[in-house]
Protein backbone atom coordinates (compact mmCIF):
# COMPACT_ATOMS: atom_id res chain seq x y z
CA MET A 1 87.43 -2.80 100.54
CA GLU A 2 88.39 -6.02 102.14
CA ASN A 3 87.01 -9.52 101.18
CA TYR A 4 85.28 -10.97 104.14
CA ASN A 5 84.03 -14.57 104.14
CA ASN A 6 81.14 -13.99 106.72
CA LYS A 7 79.35 -11.52 108.86
CA LEU A 8 81.54 -11.94 111.85
CA GLN A 9 84.70 -11.31 110.03
CA ALA A 10 83.19 -8.17 108.37
CA ILE A 11 82.14 -6.79 111.76
CA ILE A 12 85.56 -7.37 113.44
CA GLY A 13 87.43 -5.95 110.45
CA LEU A 14 85.39 -2.79 110.42
CA GLN A 15 85.76 -2.53 114.14
CA SER A 16 89.35 -2.68 113.68
CA LYS A 17 88.94 0.36 111.26
CA GLY A 18 87.41 2.40 113.98
CA TYR A 19 83.64 1.66 113.15
CA ASP A 20 82.93 0.73 116.74
CA LEU A 21 79.47 2.10 117.15
CA ASP A 22 76.10 0.38 116.39
CA PHE A 23 73.46 1.84 114.32
CA ILE A 24 69.74 0.72 113.91
CA LEU A 25 67.13 1.84 111.34
CA LYS A 26 64.63 4.34 112.85
CA ASP A 27 61.98 5.68 110.49
CA GLU A 28 63.63 8.01 108.11
CA ASN A 29 67.00 7.95 110.15
CA LEU A 30 69.80 5.87 111.59
CA LEU A 31 69.93 5.77 115.42
CA CYS A 32 73.44 5.38 117.08
CA LEU A 33 72.59 3.24 120.03
CA GLN A 34 75.63 4.26 122.28
CA GLN A 35 75.08 7.94 121.66
CA SER A 36 71.21 8.02 121.36
CA GLU A 37 71.73 10.21 118.43
CA LEU A 38 69.58 10.20 115.17
CA ILE A 39 71.20 10.80 111.91
CA SER A 40 69.41 11.74 108.72
CA PRO A 41 70.33 10.41 105.30
CA ASP A 42 72.04 13.64 104.45
CA GLU A 43 74.18 13.43 107.53
CA PHE A 44 76.18 10.26 106.93
CA GLU A 45 78.18 8.49 104.31
CA ILE A 46 78.55 4.85 103.51
CA ALA A 47 82.09 3.98 103.48
CA GLU A 48 81.94 0.23 102.82
CA THR A 49 79.08 -2.20 102.14
CA TYR A 50 79.14 -6.10 102.37
CA GLN A 51 76.47 -8.58 101.63
CA PHE A 52 76.17 -12.15 102.91
CA LYS A 53 73.54 -14.92 102.12
CA ASP A 54 72.73 -16.62 105.41
CA ILE A 55 71.98 -20.12 104.39
CA GLN A 56 72.02 -21.66 107.88
CA GLU A 57 69.47 -19.55 109.53
CA SER A 58 66.79 -17.84 107.42
CA ASN A 59 68.10 -18.02 103.75
CA ASP A 60 68.07 -14.21 103.99
CA THR A 61 70.70 -11.94 102.74
CA TYR A 62 72.25 -9.34 105.18
CA VAL A 63 74.01 -6.18 104.44
CA ILE A 64 76.63 -4.56 106.75
CA TYR A 65 77.27 -0.99 106.22
CA ALA A 66 80.22 0.86 107.48
CA ILE A 67 78.70 4.42 108.42
CA ARG A 68 80.45 7.60 108.96
CA SER A 69 78.77 10.74 110.01
CA VAL A 70 79.73 13.88 107.94
CA GLN A 71 78.94 16.30 110.90
CA SER A 72 80.63 14.47 113.84
CA ASP A 73 83.23 11.87 114.47
CA LEU A 74 80.66 8.87 114.67
CA LYS A 75 81.58 5.76 112.92
CA GLY A 76 79.83 2.52 113.27
CA ILE A 77 78.04 -0.52 111.63
CA LEU A 78 74.69 -1.01 110.56
CA MET A 79 73.66 -4.59 109.75
CA THR A 80 70.28 -5.20 108.29
CA SER A 81 68.52 -7.96 106.16
CA TYR A 82 67.22 -7.33 102.70
CA GLY A 83 63.64 -8.00 104.24
CA ALA A 84 64.08 -4.72 106.29
CA PHE A 85 63.88 -2.81 103.03
CA ASN A 86 60.27 -3.77 102.55
CA HIS A 87 59.11 -2.57 106.10
CA GLY A 88 58.34 1.11 106.68
CA LEU A 89 61.81 2.62 105.65
CA GLY A 90 61.30 6.43 104.30
CA ILE A 91 62.07 6.83 100.66
CA HIS A 92 65.29 8.98 101.35
CA LEU A 93 66.91 6.43 103.57
CA TRP A 94 65.86 3.60 101.45
CA CYS A 95 67.30 5.35 98.34
CA LYS A 96 70.64 6.06 100.28
CA LEU A 97 71.13 2.48 101.39
CA SER A 98 69.82 0.65 98.45
CA ALA A 99 72.21 2.72 96.15
CA THR A 100 75.30 0.76 97.33
CA LEU A 101 73.82 -2.74 96.84
CA ARG A 102 74.37 -5.01 94.03
CA GLU A 103 72.57 -8.09 92.80
CA TYR A 104 73.32 -10.99 95.07
C-alpha cells in the first residue's frame, strides 16, 4: 500500500494500478457508474483503503477504497465521507466498509 499525501494523489495512484471505474453507494450495494452494475457486499473485495482529513472544505474525513469485484474484472474507486456511514447504509455494506477503517 502506498503512502499518499492527499485524495488526488491516491486517486491517480489507484487509477495507474487499474482501478479506473467509479463506484457510489446505492442502498445495500455499490453501483459501478460506467457499467450500471450493482455489486453486493459479498461480490467485492477492498484491496486498499486511504483516509484523508479535509480541513480546507468541510473538516470531514474522506475514505477512498480500491474496489475489486470477485465475480468479474471490475476494478474501481469508491470515495465517501465518514458522514455517509450515518445515512442509510445497509448493515452488511456498513460492516464491510467500516472493517477496513482505523481511528483517524
